[in-house]
Amino acid sequence: MMERKKRWQVTLTLFFFLYFISLPLLIILAPSVMSVTVMGPLSLAWVMALSQFAMIGGVSIFYYYLMKKLESEGEQP
């Protein structure tokens, strides 16, 4: 069980890090793409920046329920 938990923790941490670091990298490497207007005055960079709040909430909720499930499986004989 601990091995499964550790695997999920590493996977989710890598996903978060890659998603988080992609915004500054895309702004540096592809400024013309990130300046494209998506909705009204919002550019793609702003949409991606704001989506990080939703992403961290989603990852946190997913992690909470996943760990709850894994721990309940470990308690059963």
Protein backbone atom coordinates (compact mmCIF):
# COMPACT_ATOMS: atom_id res chain seq x y z
CA MET A 1 0.00 0.00 0.00
CA MET A 2 2.80 2.43 0.84
CA GLU A 3 4.33 1.82 -2.57
CA ARG A 4 1.04 2.72 -4.31
CA LYS A 5 0.71 5.87 -2.20
CA LYS A 6 4.27 6.91 -2.98
CA ARG A 7 3.75 6.30 -6.71
CA TRP A 8 0.63 8.50 -6.71
CA GLN A 9 2.37 11.21 -4.70
CA VAL A 10 5.28 11.35 -7.13
CA THR A 11 2.95 11.33 -10.16
CA LEU A 12 0.76 14.13 -8.84
CA THR A 13 3.78 16.17 -7.75
CA LEU A 14 5.33 15.88 -11.21
CA PHE A 15 2.04 16.80 -12.87
CA PHE A 16 1.69 19.88 -10.65
CA PHE A 17 5.30 20.94 -11.23
CA LEU A 18 5.08 20.55 -15.01
CA TYR A 19 1.79 22.42 -15.19
CA PHE A 20 3.10 25.18 -12.92
CA ILE A 21 6.42 25.63 -14.76
CA SER A 22 4.80 25.52 -18.23
CA LEU A 23 3.31 29.01 -17.86
CA PRO A 24 6.61 30.91 -17.43
CA LEU A 25 8.30 28.72 -20.03
CA LEU A 26 5.56 29.33 -22.59
CA ILE A 27 5.64 33.07 -21.89
CA ILE A 28 9.40 33.09 -22.50
CA LEU A 29 9.51 30.67 -25.44
CA ALA A 30 6.21 31.48 -27.22
CA PRO A 31 5.10 35.01 -26.34
CA SER A 32 3.07 35.38 -29.54
CA VAL A 33 1.01 32.29 -28.67
CA MET A 34 0.44 33.37 -25.08
CA SER A 35 -0.69 36.86 -26.12
CA VAL A 36 -3.57 35.50 -28.25
CA THR A 37 -6.88 36.90 -27.01
CA VAL A 38 -9.23 34.14 -25.86
CA MET A 39 -12.22 35.85 -24.22
CA GLY A 40 -12.65 39.60 -24.22
CA PRO A 41 -9.51 41.17 -22.74
CA LEU A 42 -8.14 37.86 -21.44
CA SER A 43 -5.13 36.45 -23.22
CA LEU A 44 -4.13 32.79 -23.22
CA ALA A 45 -1.51 33.56 -20.57
CA TRP A 46 -4.17 34.91 -18.19
CA VAL A 47 -6.48 31.97 -18.83
CA MET A 48 -3.66 29.53 -18.13
CA ALA A 49 -2.62 31.44 -15.00
CA LEU A 50 -6.16 31.42 -13.65
CA SER A 51 -6.59 27.75 -14.54
CA GLN A 52 -3.78 26.93 -12.13
CA PHE A 53 -6.09 27.76 -9.22
CA ALA A 54 -8.70 25.32 -10.51
CA MET A 55 -6.02 22.73 -11.24
CA ILE A 56 -4.55 22.81 -7.73
CA GLY A 57 -8.04 22.52 -6.26
CA GLY A 58 -8.80 19.56 -8.49
CA VAL A 59 -5.51 17.83 -7.72
CA SER A 60 -6.02 18.39 -3.99
CA ILE A 61 -9.55 16.95 -4.02
CA PHE A 62 -8.41 14.01 -6.16
CA TYR A 63 -5.48 13.33 -3.81
CA TYR A 64 -7.68 13.51 -0.72
CA TYR A 65 -10.20 10.96 -2.00
CA LEU A 66 -7.52 8.72 -3.48
CA MET A 67 -5.58 8.53 -0.22
CA LYS A 68 -8.81 7.95 1.72
CA LYS A 69 -9.61 5.03 -0.61
CA LEU A 70 -6.09 3.57 -0.40
CA GLU A 71 -6.09 3.77 3.39
CA SER A 72 -9.48 2.10 3.66
CA GLU A 73 -8.23 -0.73 1.43
CA GLY A 74 -5.21 -1.14 3.69
CA GLU A 75 -7.31 -1.45 6.84
CA GLN A 76 -9.34 -4.39 5.54
CA PRO A 77 -8.02 -7.86 6.50
